[in-house]
Amino acid sequence: MCLGIPAQLVEGETGHQDLVMAAVGGVPRPVNIGLLEERPGTGDWVLVHMGFALSAMTPAEAQDALDALGAERAAEDREAAALQAAMDAAAQAEEEAIAARWLS
């Protein structure tokens, strides 16, 4: 599965006609727009994969994609927290079992 990230084009010189600066997750990065039929301008949104703009996006499409990515990140965080809690509980139980063997 490939993951495209919405990025908003920002001001900035790249030194190449196919490269623009885009804010990807708030971080300015060069993005190649050579695959697009029309050249987007500053403030426009594009879908970026591996440094290439694959398509232009409306602001609403970009927001929907960002919301979905945020929900995915939150679900992963919950899963990681549950896994960590289970590992902590297992470690605590093992420590208690070892202590009980030494004390008996």
Protein backbone atom coordinates (compact mmCIF):
# COMPACT_ATOMS: atom_id res chain seq x y z
CA MET A 1 0.00 0.00 0.00
CA CYS A 2 1.25 3.47 -0.86
CA LEU A 3 0.63 6.46 1.33
CA GLY A 4 0.17 9.95 -0.09
CA ILE A 5 0.47 12.93 2.21
CA PRO A 6 -1.29 16.26 1.60
CA ALA A 7 1.16 19.14 1.30
CA GLN A 8 0.55 22.84 0.83
CA LEU A 9 2.87 24.72 -1.49
CA VAL A 10 4.83 27.51 0.19
CA GLU A 11 7.20 30.23 -0.98
CA GLY A 12 10.78 29.21 -1.55
CA GLU A 13 13.34 28.84 -4.29
CA THR A 14 14.52 25.37 -5.26
CA GLY A 15 16.67 26.09 -8.29
CA HIS A 16 14.76 23.69 -10.57
CA GLN A 17 11.61 24.30 -12.61
CA ASP A 18 9.96 21.03 -11.54
CA LEU A 19 10.70 21.49 -7.83
CA VAL A 20 8.65 23.60 -5.43
CA MET A 21 8.70 23.97 -1.67
CA ALA A 22 5.76 22.40 0.14
CA ALA A 23 4.84 22.16 3.80
CA VAL A 24 4.57 18.44 4.57
CA GLY A 25 3.37 18.03 8.13
CA GLY A 26 4.46 21.63 8.74
CA VAL A 27 8.01 20.99 7.52
CA PRO A 28 9.11 22.68 4.28
CA ARG A 29 10.38 20.13 1.77
CA PRO A 30 11.14 20.16 -1.94
CA VAL A 31 8.47 18.40 -3.99
CA ASN A 32 8.66 17.48 -7.66
CA ILE A 33 5.58 18.70 -9.57
CA GLY A 34 6.73 17.46 -12.97
CA LEU A 35 3.99 14.79 -13.09
CA LEU A 36 1.16 17.33 -12.84
CA GLU A 37 -0.58 18.63 -15.95
CA GLU A 38 -0.96 22.16 -14.54
CA ARG A 39 1.58 23.91 -12.37
CA PRO A 40 0.10 24.64 -8.93
CA GLY A 41 0.82 27.90 -7.14
CA THR A 42 1.72 28.96 -3.64
CA GLY A 43 -1.07 27.98 -1.24
CA ASP A 44 -2.36 25.14 -3.42
CA TRP A 45 -2.55 21.60 -2.06
CA VAL A 46 -1.03 18.49 -3.68
CA LEU A 47 -0.92 14.82 -2.78
CA VAL A 48 2.74 13.82 -2.31
CA HIS A 49 4.26 10.35 -2.43
CA MET A 50 8.03 9.79 -2.26
CA GLY A 51 8.68 13.47 -3.00
CA PHE A 52 6.47 13.62 -6.10
CA ALA A 53 3.17 15.47 -6.36
CA LEU A 54 0.75 12.91 -7.81
CA SER A 55 -2.33 15.12 -8.02
CA ALA A 56 -3.74 18.47 -7.03
CA MET A 57 -6.18 18.57 -4.11
CA THR A 58 -8.86 20.96 -2.99
CA PRO A 59 -8.48 22.35 0.53
CA ALA A 60 -11.45 20.20 1.61
CA GLU A 61 -9.85 17.03 0.19
CA ALA A 62 -6.60 17.89 1.93
CA GLN A 63 -8.38 18.45 5.25
CA ASP A 64 -10.26 15.14 4.93
CA ALA A 65 -6.99 13.31 4.25
CA LEU A 66 -5.24 15.04 7.17
CA ASP A 67 -8.15 14.16 9.47
CA ALA A 68 -7.97 10.52 8.37
CA LEU A 69 -4.21 10.44 8.96
CA GLY A 70 -4.74 11.96 12.41
CA ALA A 71 -7.35 9.32 13.26
CA GLU A 72 -4.98 6.58 12.11
CA ARG A 73 -2.19 8.02 14.26
CA ALA A 74 -4.50 8.21 17.29
CA ALA A 75 -5.54 4.56 16.79
CA GLU A 76 -1.89 3.50 16.57
CA ASP A 77 -1.12 5.45 19.75
CA ARG A 78 -3.98 3.70 21.59
CA GLU A 79 -2.79 0.31 20.36
CA ALA A 80 0.78 1.05 21.42
CA ALA A 81 -0.39 2.19 24.86
CA ALA A 82 -2.45 -1.00 25.31
CA LEU A 83 0.49 -3.15 24.25
CA GLN A 84 2.81 -1.31 26.64
CA ALA A 85 0.32 -1.75 29.50
CA ALA A 86 0.09 -5.48 28.80
CA MET A 87 3.88 -5.81 28.71
CA ASP A 88 4.20 -3.84 31.97
CA ALA A 89 1.59 -6.06 33.64
CA ALA A 90 3.35 -9.23 32.46
CA ALA A 91 6.71 -7.94 33.71
CA GLN A 92 5.19 -7.03 37.07
CA ALA A 93 3.59 -10.48 37.39
CA GLU A 94 6.90 -12.15 36.56
CA GLU A 95 8.73 -10.04 39.15
CA GLU A 96 6.13 -10.93 41.78
CA ALA A 97 6.42 -14.63 40.91
CA ILE A 98 10.19 -14.53 41.23
CA ALA A 99 9.97 -12.66 44.55
CA ALA A 100 7.43 -15.19 45.85
CA ARG A 101 9.76 -18.10 44.97
CA TRP A 102 12.70 -16.46 46.75
CA LEU A 103 10.69 -15.60 49.83
CA SER A 104 9.13 -19.05 50.27
